[in-house]
C-alpha atoms as a PDB file:
ATOM      1  CA  UNK A   1     113.169 163.110  77.566  1.00  0.00           C
ATOM      2  CA  UNK A   2     114.723 166.020  79.316  1.00  0.00           C
ATOM      3  CA  UNK A   3     118.447 165.960  79.751  1.00  0.00           C
ATOM      4  CA  UNK A   4     119.743 167.572  82.941  1.00  0.00           C
ATOM      5  CA  UNK A   5     123.318 168.567  83.699  1.00  0.00           C
ATOM      6  CA  UNK A   6     124.670 169.315  87.082  1.00  0.00           C
ATOM      7  CA  UNK A   7     128.197 169.128  88.550  1.00  0.00           C
ATOM      8  CA  UNK A   8     129.381 170.230  91.895  1.00  0.00           C
ATOM      9  CA  UNK A   9     133.019 170.788  92.860  1.00  0.00           C
ATOM     10  CA  UNK A  10     134.495 171.483  96.194  1.00  0.00           C
ATOM     11  CA  UNK A  11     136.851 174.539  95.681  1.00  0.00           C
ATOM     12  CA  UNK A  12     137.660 174.938  99.602  1.00  0.00           C
ATOM     13  CA  UNK A  13     136.284 173.859 102.846  1.00  0.00           C
ATOM     14  CA  UNK A  14     132.622 174.934 103.057  1.00  0.00           C
ATOM     15  CA  UNK A  15     132.785 176.271  99.539  1.00  0.00           C
ATOM     16  CA  UNK A  16     131.241 174.594  96.329  1.00  0.00           C
ATOM     17  CA  UNK A  17     130.924 175.540  92.810  1.00  0.00           C
ATOM     18  CA  UNK A  18     127.814 174.278  91.069  1.00  0.00           C
ATOM     19  CA  UNK A  19     127.472 174.105  87.234  1.00  0.00           C
ATOM     20  CA  UNK A  20     124.321 173.426  85.467  1.00  0.00           C
ATOM     21  CA  UNK A  21     122.880 173.963  81.868  1.00  0.00           C
ATOM     22  CA  UNK A  22     121.314 177.325  83.077  1.00  0.00           C
ATOM     23  CA  UNK A  23     124.390 178.911  84.628  1.00  0.00           C
ATOM     24  CA  UNK A  24     126.792 178.716  87.595  1.00  0.00           C
ATOM     25  CA  UNK A  25     126.578 179.268  91.315  1.00  0.00           C
ATOM     26  CA  UNK A  26     128.832 179.355  94.325  1.00  0.00           C
ATOM     27  CA  UNK A  27     127.589 178.048  97.625  1.00  0.00           C
ATOM     28  CA  UNK A  28     129.320 178.979 100.930  1.00  0.00           C
ATOM     29  CA  UNK A  29     128.312 177.214 104.146  1.00  0.00           C
ATOM     30  CA  UNK A  30     127.802 173.904 105.813  1.00  0.00           C
ATOM     31  CA  UNK A  31     124.917 171.605 106.373  1.00  0.00           C
ATOM     32  CA  UNK A  32     122.646 173.772 108.468  1.00  0.00           C
ATOM     33  CA  UNK A  33     123.213 176.995 106.831  1.00  0.00           C
ATOM     34  CA  UNK A  34     124.575 178.440 103.591  1.00  0.00           C
ATOM     35  CA  UNK A  35     124.458 181.211 101.052  1.00  0.00           C
ATOM     36  CA  UNK A  36     124.297 180.482  97.368  1.00  0.00           C
ATOM     37  CA  UNK A  37     125.230 183.204  94.765  1.00  0.00           C
ATOM     38  CA  UNK A  38     124.809 182.704  91.082  1.00  0.00           C
ATOM     39  CA  UNK A  39     123.158 183.761  87.901  1.00  0.00           C
ATOM     40  CA  UNK A  40     119.772 183.505  89.152  1.00  0.00           C
ATOM     41  CA  UNK A  41     120.391 185.652  92.172  1.00  0.00           C
ATOM     42  CA  UNK A  42     121.223 185.201  95.897  1.00  0.00           C
ATOM     43  CA  UNK A  43     119.746 182.830  98.298  1.00  0.00           C
ATOM     44  CA  UNK A  44     120.097 182.125 102.058  1.00  0.00           C
ATOM     45  CA  UNK A  45     118.992 178.808 103.233  1.00  0.00           C
ATOM     46  CA  UNK A  46     118.958 177.376 106.725  1.00  0.00           C
ATOM     47  CA  UNK A  47     117.889 174.021 108.281  1.00  0.00           C
ATOM     48  CA  UNK A  48     118.124 171.408 111.041  1.00  0.00           C
ATOM     49  CA  UNK A  49     120.168 168.462 109.862  1.00  0.00           C
ATOM     50  CA  UNK A  50     118.484 165.157 110.092  1.00  0.00           C
ATOM     51  CA  UNK A  51     114.762 166.652 110.596  1.00  0.00           C
ATOM     52  CA  UNK A  52     113.972 167.685 106.997  1.00  0.00           C
ATOM     53  CA  UNK A  53     113.065 171.072 108.172  1.00  0.00           C
ATOM     54  CA  UNK A  54     114.483 173.951 106.268  1.00  0.00           C
ATOM     55  CA  UNK A  55     113.666 177.404 104.878  1.00  0.00           C
ATOM     56  CA  UNK A  56     115.192 179.451 102.033  1.00  0.00           C
ATOM     57  CA  UNK A  57     114.896 183.035 101.164  1.00  0.00           C
ATOM     58  CA  UNK A  58     115.729 184.895  98.060  1.00  0.00           C
ATOM     59  CA  UNK A  59     117.677 188.183  98.597  1.00  0.00           C
ATOM     60  CA  UNK A  60     118.143 189.298  94.920  1.00  0.00           C
ATOM     61  CA  UNK A  61     117.500 188.113  91.324  1.00  0.00           C
ATOM     62  CA  UNK A  62     114.421 187.897  89.312  1.00  0.00           C
ATOM     63  CA  UNK A  63     111.551 185.604  90.484  1.00  0.00           C
ATOM     64  CA  UNK A  64     110.033 182.775  88.409  1.00  0.00           C
ATOM     65  CA  UNK A  65     107.794 183.993  85.685  1.00  0.00           C
ATOM     66  CA  UNK A  66     104.099 182.668  85.936  1.00  0.00           C
ATOM     67  CA  UNK A  67     102.393 180.976  83.166  1.00  0.00           C
ATOM     68  CA  UNK A  68     100.261 182.896  80.793  1.00  0.00           C
ATOM     69  CA  UNK A  69      97.017 181.418  82.047  1.00  0.00           C
ATOM     70  CA  UNK A  70      97.864 182.499  85.637  1.00  0.00           C
ATOM     71  CA  UNK A  71      98.591 186.008  84.424  1.00  0.00           C
ATOM     72  CA  UNK A  72      95.268 186.487  82.564  1.00  0.00           C
ATOM     73  CA  UNK A  73      92.614 185.193  84.914  1.00  0.00           C
ATOM     74  CA  UNK A  74      91.349 188.635  85.864  1.00  0.00           C
ATOM     75  CA  UNK A  75      92.546 188.962  89.442  1.00  0.00           C
ATOM     76  CA  UNK A  76      91.866 192.273  91.188  1.00  0.00           C
ATOM     77  CA  UNK A  77      95.506 193.325  90.910  1.00  0.00           C
ATOM     78  CA  UNK A  78      95.499 192.755  87.125  1.00  0.00           C
ATOM     79  CA  UNK A  79      92.465 194.740  86.583  1.00  0.00           C
ATOM     80  CA  UNK A  80      94.452 197.774  87.996  1.00  0.00           C
ATOM     81  CA  UNK A  81      97.448 197.079  85.762  1.00  0.00           C
ATOM     82  CA  UNK A  82      97.535 199.275  82.664  1.00  0.00           C
ATOM     83  CA  UNK A  83      98.124 197.669  79.315  1.00  0.00           C
ATOM     84  CA  UNK A  84     101.332 199.554  78.945  1.00  0.00           C
ATOM     85  CA  UNK A  85     102.725 197.703  82.067  1.00  0.00           C
ATOM     86  CA  UNK A  86     101.338 194.549  80.886  1.00  0.00           C
ATOM     87  CA  UNK A  87     103.060 194.849  77.590  1.00  0.00           C
ATOM     88  CA  UNK A  88     106.477 194.868  79.357  1.00  0.00           C
ATOM     89  CA  UNK A  89     105.400 192.149  82.019  1.00  0.00           C
ATOM     90  CA  UNK A  90     103.901 189.569  79.882  1.00  0.00           C
ATOM     91  CA  UNK A  91     105.912 187.222  77.444  1.00  0.00           C
ATOM     92  CA  UNK A  92     109.615 186.464  76.990  1.00  0.00           C
ATOM     93  CA  UNK A  93     112.080 189.136  77.595  1.00  0.00           C
ATOM     94  CA  UNK A  94     115.259 189.872  75.356  1.00  0.00           C
ATOM     95  CA  UNK A  95     117.321 190.299  78.598  1.00  0.00           C
ATOM     96  CA  UNK A  96     120.061 187.857  77.820  1.00  0.00           C
ATOM     97  CA  UNK A  97     122.255 187.053  80.892  1.00  0.00           C
ATOM     98  CA  UNK A  98     121.499 188.306  84.363  1.00  0.00           C
ATOM     99  CA  UNK A  99     124.418 190.850  84.572  1.00  0.00           C
ATOM    100  CA  UNK A 100     124.671 191.140  88.315  1.00  0.00           C
ATOM    101  CA  UNK A 101     124.580 187.281  88.715  1.00  0.00           C
ATOM    102  CA  UNK A 102     127.513 186.937  86.139  1.00  0.00           C
ATOM    103  CA  UNK A 103     129.510 189.727  87.624  1.00  0.00           C
ATOM    104  CA  UNK A 104     129.010 188.254  91.040  1.00  0.00           C
ATOM    105  CA  UNK A 105     129.664 184.692  90.143  1.00  0.00           C
ATOM    106  CA  UNK A 106     132.871 185.814  88.194  1.00  0.00           C
ATOM    107  CA  UNK A 107     134.222 187.858  91.012  1.00  0.00           C
ATOM    108  CA  UNK A 108     133.748 185.167  93.577  1.00  0.00           C
ATOM    109  CA  UNK A 109     135.307 182.394  91.363  1.00  0.00           C
ATOM    110  CA  UNK A 110     138.310 184.815  90.533  1.00  0.00           C
ATOM    111  CA  UNK A 111     138.990 185.491  94.317  1.00  0.00           C
ATOM    112  CA  UNK A 112     138.701 181.734  95.061  1.00  0.00           C
ATOM    113  CA  UNK A 113     141.206 181.184  92.124  1.00  0.00           C
ATOM    114  CA  UNK A 114     143.612 183.789  93.482  1.00  0.00           C
ATOM    115  CA  UNK A 115     143.474 182.233  97.145  1.00  0.00           C
ATOM    116  CA  UNK A 116     143.592 178.664  96.070  1.00  0.00           C
ATOM    117  CA  UNK A 117     145.416 178.736  92.881  1.00  0.00           C
ATOM    118  CA  UNK A 118     142.786 176.598  91.063  1.00  0.00           C
ATOM    119  CA  UNK A 119     143.228 176.967  87.409  1.00  0.00           C
ATOM    120  CA  UNK A 120     139.811 175.685  86.270  1.00  0.00           C
ATOM    121  CA  UNK A 121     138.312 178.511  88.612  1.00  0.00           C
ATOM    122  CA  UNK A 122     140.376 181.191  86.859  1.00  0.00           C
ATOM    123  CA  UNK A 123     139.107 179.921  83.375  1.00  0.00           C
ATOM    124  CA  UNK A 124     135.657 180.158  84.706  1.00  0.00           C
ATOM    125  CA  UNK A 125     136.023 183.712  86.038  1.00  0.00           C
ATOM    126  CA  UNK A 126     137.465 184.894  82.643  1.00  0.00           C
ATOM    127  CA  UNK A 127     134.502 183.250  80.873  1.00  0.00           C
ATOM    128  CA  UNK A 128     132.036 184.895  83.040  1.00  0.00           C
ATOM    129  CA  UNK A 129     133.927 188.240  82.648  1.00  0.00           C
ATOM    130  CA  UNK A 130     133.730 187.650  78.748  1.00  0.00           C
ATOM    131  CA  UNK A 131     129.997 186.828  78.801  1.00  0.00           C
ATOM    132  CA  UNK A 132     129.352 190.218  80.699  1.00  0.00           C
ATOM    133  CA  UNK A 133     131.618 192.166  78.504  1.00  0.00           C
ATOM    134  CA  UNK A 134     130.061 190.705  75.218  1.00  0.00           C
ATOM    135  CA  UNK A 135     126.444 191.447  76.380  1.00  0.00           C
ATOM    136  CA  UNK A 136     127.237 195.070  77.706  1.00  0.00           C
ATOM    137  CA  UNK A 137     128.810 195.862  74.349  1.00  0.00           C
ATOM    138  CA  UNK A 138     125.932 194.436  72.153  1.00  0.00           C
ATOM    139  CA  UNK A 139     124.140 196.977  69.986  1.00  0.00           C
ATOM    140  CA  UNK A 140     120.736 195.837  71.498  1.00  0.00           C
ATOM    141  CA  UNK A 141     122.007 196.495  75.057  1.00  0.00           C
ATOM    142  CA  UNK A 142     123.345 199.911  74.117  1.00  0.00           C
ATOM    143  CA  UNK A 143     120.148 200.708  72.102  1.00  0.00           C
ATOM    144  CA  UNK A 144     118.037 199.950  75.272  1.00  0.00           C
ATOM    145  CA  UNK A 145     120.212 202.138  77.392  1.00  0.00           C
ATOM    146  CA  UNK A 146     119.903 204.810  74.796  1.00  0.00           C
ATOM    147  CA  UNK A 147     116.184 204.491  74.732  1.00  0.00           C
ATOM    148  CA  UNK A 148     116.092 204.676  78.570  1.00  0.00           C
ATOM    149  CA  UNK A 149     118.146 207.822  78.754  1.00  0.00           C
ATOM    150  CA  UNK A 150     115.684 209.377  76.121  1.00  0.00           C
ATOM    151  CA  UNK A 151     112.863 208.542  78.419  1.00  0.00           C
ATOM    152  CA  UNK A 152     114.609 210.057  81.424  1.00  0.00           C
ATOM    153  CA  UNK A 153     114.945 213.398  79.570  1.00  0.00           C
ATOM    154  CA  UNK A 154     112.692 213.648  76.607  1.00  0.00           C
ATOM    155  CA  UNK A 155     113.221 216.239  73.997  1.00  0.00           C
ATOM    156  CA  UNK A 156     113.178 216.645  70.270  1.00  0.00           C
ATOM    157  CA  UNK A 157     116.933 215.572  70.234  1.00  0.00           C
ATOM    158  CA  UNK A 158     115.867 212.405  72.224  1.00  0.00           C
ATOM    159  CA  UNK A 159     113.068 211.646  69.772  1.00  0.00           C
ATOM    160  CA  UNK A 160     115.691 211.654  66.963  1.00  0.00           C
ATOM    161  CA  UNK A 161     117.939 209.352  68.984  1.00  0.00           C
ATOM    162  CA  UNK A 162     115.245 206.881  69.595  1.00  0.00           C
ATOM    163  CA  UNK A 163     114.310 206.909  65.907  1.00  0.00           C
ATOM    164  CA  UNK A 164     117.839 206.263  65.135  1.00  0.00           C
ATOM    165  CA  UNK A 165     118.248 203.322  67.440  1.00  0.00           C
ATOM    166  CA  UNK A 166     114.962 201.785  66.062  1.00  0.00           C
ATOM    167  CA  UNK A 167     116.162 202.053  62.579  1.00  0.00           C
ATOM    168  CA  UNK A 168     119.399 200.394  63.279  1.00  0.00           C
ATOM    169  CA  UNK A 169     117.887 197.601  65.338  1.00  0.00           C
ATOM    170  CA  UNK A 170     114.665 196.878  63.115  1.00  0.00           C
ATOM    171  CA  UNK A 171     114.975 193.106  63.777  1.00  0.00           C
ATOM    172  CA  UNK A 172     114.575 193.378  67.559  1.00  0.00           C
ATOM    173  CA  UNK A 173     111.010 193.241  69.015  1.00  0.00           C
ATOM    174  CA  UNK A 174     112.220 194.676  72.283  1.00  0.00           C
ATOM    175  CA  UNK A 175     113.816 197.756  70.642  1.00  0.00           C
ATOM    176  CA  UNK A 176     110.719 198.373  68.503  1.00  0.00           C
ATOM    177  CA  UNK A 177     108.426 197.961  71.597  1.00  0.00           C
ATOM    178  CA  UNK A 178     110.508 200.401  73.828  1.00  0.00           C
ATOM    179  CA  UNK A 179     110.465 202.829  70.967  1.00  0.00           C
ATOM    180  CA  UNK A 180     106.896 202.566  70.475  1.00  0.00           C
ATOM    181  CA  UNK A 181     106.079 203.021  74.247  1.00  0.00           C
ATOM    182  CA  UNK A 182     108.674 206.048  74.308  1.00  0.00           C
ATOM    183  CA  UNK A 183     106.604 207.980  71.730  1.00  0.00           C
ATOM    184  CA  UNK A 184     103.423 206.712  73.255  1.00  0.00           C
ATOM    185  CA  UNK A 185     104.480 208.638  76.522  1.00  0.00           C
ATOM    186  CA  UNK A 186     105.407 211.473  74.378  1.00  0.00           C
ATOM    187  CA  UNK A 187     101.787 211.508  73.108  1.00  0.00           C
ATOM    188  CA  UNK A 188     102.965 210.983  69.537  1.00  0.00           C
ATOM    189  CA  UNK A 189     100.727 208.161  68.653  1.00  0.00           C
ATOM    190  CA  UNK A 190     101.463 208.125  64.844  1.00  0.00           C
ATOM    191  CA  UNK A 191     105.086 207.240  65.560  1.00  0.00           C
ATOM    192  CA  UNK A 192     104.320 204.850  68.424  1.00  0.00           C
ATOM    193  CA  UNK A 193     101.768 202.882  66.170  1.00  0.00           C
ATOM    194  CA  UNK A 194     104.597 202.197  63.491  1.00  0.00           C
ATOM    195  CA  UNK A 195     107.102 200.842  66.159  1.00  0.00           C
ATOM    196  CA  UNK A 196     104.483 198.981  68.148  1.00  0.00           C
ATOM    197  CA  UNK A 197     103.051 197.365  64.934  1.00  0.00           C
ATOM    198  CA  UNK A 198     106.608 196.040  64.047  1.00  0.00           C
ATOM    199  CA  UNK A 199     106.953 194.613  67.527  1.00  0.00           C
ATOM    200  CA  UNK A 200     103.739 192.833  67.307  1.00  0.00           C
ATOM    201  CA  UNK A 201     104.704 191.030  64.039  1.00  0.00           C
ATOM    202  CA  UNK A 202     107.974 189.769  65.597  1.00  0.00           C
ATOM    203  CA  UNK A 203     106.887 189.054  69.204  1.00  0.00           C
ATOM    204  CA  UNK A 204     107.370 185.356  69.978  1.00  0.00           C
ATOM    205  CA  UNK A 205     105.034 185.178  72.975  1.00  0.00           C
ATOM    206  CA  UNK A 206     101.536 186.220  73.882  1.00  0.00           C
ATOM    207  CA  UNK A 207     100.707 189.052  71.594  1.00  0.00           C
ATOM    208  CA  UNK A 208      97.632 190.209  73.411  1.00  0.00           C
ATOM    209  CA  UNK A 209      99.106 192.863  75.642  1.00  0.00           C
ATOM    210  CA  UNK A 210     101.079 194.464  72.725  1.00  0.00           C
ATOM    211  CA  UNK A 211      97.782 194.241  70.405  1.00  0.00           C
ATOM    212  CA  UNK A 212      95.894 196.223  73.180  1.00  0.00           C
ATOM    213  CA  UNK A 213      98.671 198.820  73.362  1.00  0.00           C
ATOM    214  CA  UNK A 214      99.081 199.093  69.596  1.00  0.00           C
ATOM    215  CA  UNK A 215      95.244 199.191  68.835  1.00  0.00           C
ATOM    216  CA  UNK A 216      94.789 201.835  71.552  1.00  0.00           C
ATOM    217  CA  UNK A 217      97.583 203.940  69.927  1.00  0.00           C
ATOM    218  CA  UNK A 218      96.011 203.467  66.549  1.00  0.00           C
ATOM    219  CA  UNK A 219      92.705 204.654  67.767  1.00  0.00           C
ATOM    220  CA  UNK A 220      94.232 207.748  69.273  1.00  0.00           C
ATOM    221  CA  UNK A 221      96.016 208.403  65.960  1.00  0.00           C
ATOM    222  CA  UNK A 222      92.997 208.530  64.128  1.00  0.00           C
ATOM    223  CA  UNK A 223      93.575 204.929  62.435  1.00  0.00           C
ATOM    224  CA  UNK A 224      90.658 202.858  63.382  1.00  0.00           C
ATOM    225  CA  UNK A 225      90.948 200.761  60.342  1.00  0.00           C
ATOM    226  CA  UNK A 226      94.634 199.509  61.407  1.00  0.00           C
ATOM    227  CA  UNK A 227      93.245 198.793  64.876  1.00  0.00           C
ATOM    228  CA  UNK A 228      90.473 196.765  63.466  1.00  0.00           C
ATOM    229  CA  UNK A 229      92.849 194.814  61.333  1.00  0.00           C
ATOM    230  CA  UNK A 230      95.077 193.897  64.253  1.00  0.00           C
ATOM    231  CA  UNK A 231      92.183 192.901  66.552  1.00  0.00           C
ATOM    232  CA  UNK A 232      89.631 191.212  64.296  1.00  0.00           C
ATOM    233  CA  UNK A 233      91.659 188.057  63.679  1.00  0.00           C
ATOM    234  CA  UNK A 234      91.541 187.380  67.530  1.00  0.00           C
ATOM    235  CA  UNK A 235      88.008 187.963  68.164  1.00  0.00           C
ATOM    236  CA  UNK A 236      86.850 184.289  67.549  1.00  0.00           C
ATOM    237  CA  UNK A 237      89.538 182.862  69.970  1.00  0.00           C
ATOM    238  CA  UNK A 238      88.913 185.518  72.692  1.00  0.00           C
ATOM    239  CA  UNK A 239      87.402 184.439  76.083  1.00  0.00           C
ATOM    240  CA  UNK A 240      86.371 187.648  77.763  1.00  0.00           C
ATOM    241  CA  UNK A 241      84.389 185.655  80.393  1.00  0.00           C
ATOM    242  CA  UNK A 242      87.708 184.351  81.655  1.00  0.00           C
ATOM    243  CA  UNK A 243      90.338 186.797  80.885  1.00  0.00           C
ATOM    244  CA  UNK A 244      90.382 190.597  81.513  1.00  0.00           C
ATOM    245  CA  UNK A 245      92.925 190.928  78.743  1.00  0.00           C
ATOM    246  CA  UNK A 246      90.634 189.365  76.236  1.00  0.00           C
ATOM    247  CA  UNK A 247      87.882 191.484  77.643  1.00  0.00           C
ATOM    248  CA  UNK A 248      90.231 194.562  76.826  1.00  0.00           C
ATOM    249  CA  UNK A 249      90.930 193.335  73.359  1.00  0.00           C
ATOM    250  CA  UNK A 250      87.083 192.959  72.539  1.00  0.00           C
ATOM    251  CA  UNK A 251      86.436 196.405  74.079  1.00  0.00           C
ATOM    252  CA  UNK A 252      89.101 197.995  71.984  1.00  0.00           C
ATOM    253  CA  UNK A 253      87.837 196.318  68.691  1.00  0.00           C
ATOM    254  CA  UNK A 254      84.387 197.610  69.562  1.00  0.00           C
ATOM    255  CA  UNK A 255      85.775 201.177  70.097  1.00  0.00           C
ATOM    256  CA  UNK A 256      87.601 201.092  66.859  1.00  0.00           C
ATOM    257  CA  UNK A 257      84.432 199.925  65.150  1.00  0.00           C
ATOM    258  CA  UNK A 258      82.495 202.875  66.665  1.00  0.00           C
ATOM    259  CA  UNK A 259      85.172 205.474  65.707  1.00  0.00           C
ATOM    260  CA  UNK A 260      84.981 204.102  62.313  1.00  0.00           C
ATOM    261  CA  UNK A 261      81.275 204.787  62.149  1.00  0.00           C
ATOM    262  CA  UNK A 262      80.084 201.189  62.522  1.00  0.00           C
ATOM    263  CA  UNK A 263      78.069 201.388  65.502  1.00  0.00           C
ATOM    264  CA  UNK A 264      75.944 198.445  64.709  1.00  0.00           C
ATOM    265  CA  UNK A 265      79.020 196.112  64.421  1.00  0.00           C
ATOM    266  CA  UNK A 266      80.402 197.686  67.631  1.00  0.00           C
ATOM    267  CA  UNK A 267      77.380 196.577  69.490  1.00  0.00           C
ATOM    268  CA  UNK A 268      77.625 193.125  67.942  1.00  0.00           C
ATOM    269  CA  UNK A 269      81.174 192.666  69.224  1.00  0.00           C
ATOM    270  CA  UNK A 270      80.331 194.269  72.561  1.00  0.00           C
ATOM    271  CA  UNK A 271      77.718 191.552  73.028  1.00  0.00           C
ATOM    272  CA  UNK A 272      80.675 189.145  73.567  1.00  0.00           C
ATOM    273  CA  UNK A 273      81.374 190.753  76.872  1.00  0.00           C
ATOM    274  CA  UNK A 274      79.894 189.602  80.267  1.00  0.00           C
ATOM    275  CA  UNK A 275      78.246 192.890  81.079  1.00  0.00           C
ATOM    276  CA  UNK A 276      75.593 191.559  83.092  1.00  0.00           C
ATOM    277  CA  UNK A 277      77.973 190.897  86.066  1.00  0.00           C
ATOM    278  CA  UNK A 278      77.494 192.740  89.240  1.00  0.00           C
ATOM    279  CA  UNK A 279      81.073 193.702  89.744  1.00  0.00           C
ATOM    280  CA  UNK A 280      82.605 194.834  86.542  1.00  0.00           C
ATOM    281  CA  UNK A 281      86.495 195.028  85.954  1.00  0.00           C
ATOM    282  CA  UNK A 282      88.176 197.871  84.217  1.00  0.00           C
ATOM    283  CA  UNK A 283      87.963 196.300  80.705  1.00  0.00           C
ATOM    284  CA  UNK A 284      84.320 195.564  81.134  1.00  0.00           C
ATOM    285  CA  UNK A 285      83.701 199.215  82.251  1.00  0.00           C
ATOM    286  CA  UNK A 286      85.284 200.258  79.218  1.00  0.00           C
ATOM    287  CA  UNK A 287      82.998 197.880  77.122  1.00  0.00           C
ATOM    288  CA  UNK A 288      80.043 199.428  78.958  1.00  0.00           C
ATOM    289  CA  UNK A 289      80.930 202.810  77.975  1.00  0.00           C
ATOM    290  CA  UNK A 290      81.476 201.926  74.288  1.00  0.00           C
ATOM    291  CA  UNK A 291      78.075 200.139  74.254  1.00  0.00           C
ATOM    292  CA  UNK A 292      76.490 203.324  75.598  1.00  0.00           C
ATOM    293  CA  UNK A 293      78.193 205.281  72.798  1.00  0.00           C
ATOM    294  CA  UNK A 294      77.116 202.796  70.119  1.00  0.00           C
ATOM    295  CA  UNK A 295      73.597 202.523  71.366  1.00  0.00           C
ATOM    296  CA  UNK A 296      73.257 206.375  71.405  1.00  0.00           C
ATOM    297  CA  UNK A 297      74.503 206.511  67.897  1.00  0.00           C
ATOM    298  CA  UNK A 298      71.856 203.951  66.957  1.00  0.00           C
ATOM    299  CA  UNK A 299      69.091 205.942  68.576  1.00  0.00           C
ATOM    300  CA  UNK A 300      68.719 204.011  71.759  1.00  0.00           C
ATOM    301  CA  UNK A 301      69.465 207.074  73.932  1.00  0.00           C
ATOM    302  CA  UNK A 302      67.545 205.730  77.181  1.00  0.00           C
ATOM    303  CA  UNK A 303      69.622 202.606  77.105  1.00  0.00           C
ATOM    304  CA  UNK A 304      72.868 204.374  76.673  1.00  0.00           C
ATOM    305  CA  UNK A 305      72.146 206.653  79.547  1.00  0.00           C
ATOM    306  CA  UNK A 306      71.455 203.524  81.765  1.00  0.00           C
ATOM    307  CA  UNK A 307      74.826 202.118  80.709  1.00  0.00           C
ATOM    308  CA  UNK A 308      76.696 205.156  81.603  1.00  0.00           C
ATOM    309  CA  UNK A 309      74.761 205.354  84.932  1.00  0.00           C
ATOM    310  CA  UNK A 310      76.142 201.850  85.714  1.00  0.00           C
ATOM    311  CA  UNK A 311      79.619 202.848  84.964  1.00  0.00           C
ATOM    312  CA  UNK A 312      79.278 205.919  87.303  1.00  0.00           C
ATOM    313  CA  UNK A 313      77.887 203.913  90.078  1.00  0.00           C
ATOM    314  CA  UNK A 314      80.795 201.399  89.857  1.00  0.00           C
ATOM    315  CA  UNK A 315      83.489 203.906  89.324  1.00  0.00           C
ATOM    316  CA  UNK A 316      82.712 207.730  89.163  1.00  0.00           C
ATOM    317  CA  UNK A 317      86.526 208.386  88.266  1.00  0.00           C
ATOM    318  CA  UNK A 318      86.602 205.832  85.524  1.00  0.00           C
ATOM    319  CA  UNK A 319      88.847 207.573  82.862  1.00  0.00           C
ATOM    320  CA  UNK A 320      86.891 206.791  79.748  1.00  0.00           C
ATOM    321  CA  UNK A 321      83.455 207.850  81.448  1.00  0.00           C
ATOM    322  CA  UNK A 322      84.069 211.559  80.836  1.00  0.00           C
ATOM    323  CA  UNK A 323      84.735 210.979  76.928  1.00  0.00           C
ATOM    324  CA  UNK A 324      81.570 208.850  76.825  1.00  0.00           C
ATOM    325  CA  UNK A 325      79.399 211.445  78.565  1.00  0.00           C
ATOM    326  CA  UNK A 326      80.742 214.160  76.229  1.00  0.00           C
ATOM    327  CA  UNK A 327      80.005 211.793  73.273  1.00  0.00           C
ATOM    328  CA  UNK A 328      76.498 211.405  74.402  1.00  0.00           C
ATOM    329  CA  UNK A 329      75.975 215.177  75.255  1.00  0.00           C
ATOM    330  CA  UNK A 330      77.347 216.475  71.914  1.00  0.00           C
ATOM    331  CA  UNK A 331      75.302 213.955  69.695  1.00  0.00           C
END
């Protein structure tokens, strides 16, 4: 049974303070119009009393996260999202409090306390300020700021700073992930694999986006065995027919197997992909390229060429197409 808590207190005419388990908010306005400011953002609502007609618009703050199933159904927008973007977008985030929301709530309550002399409002304002101060001075927040500054101006000195932050906060999957993505952007795959691998082991949510990024970095770093070890356990439960993200994992596993020299096994894995579809998403185009390379290695050169012709017809600028064409021409 879910237990809910909500308390509303009238501070001044037209001003109410709302307290819930998730945070605090202040509403200013009457029955027909009002502005609500709190930890989840700022909302403006308007309605016609007695009619049941109303409208609400959010002006700031984060939107509600969608479920994992909704995020991985293979829409057109998702097929254009890079796995690096997905790694940041999917799963819980170690963001703690919504800083602007706490600042805003604390400031409003403090002003109301100064005007109305309400003791409890002053206490709430101090509590909000303390929460913000504590979060902004945490090692994790300062570490993320440091990595962000390094990403804005990458250099050998910045590389050392990111390594130092990652070493100090080894228990934070967010820090390890951001350090890995930093070195991935620096094209230092060896370092990226180490940090991303740590993030994968600690990540509490859907690991698939991080697995895809880490496996990709491992293949780039010449570590196909590491990529295979990450992805193989997820092959049995993958549903590439329904999820572009699962299709990407299957394609990455096949690529790692091909890079290792096991083209026969790569073809077996690629067989899990729905490559007979007329309209192929980006992960399926990758799978088609890998199938062409594996077929060519197994002596099926005509079939390999037909696969690459399909990729070229679907998307002549597909990034992996050039590498696949080079592999076929060099063999």
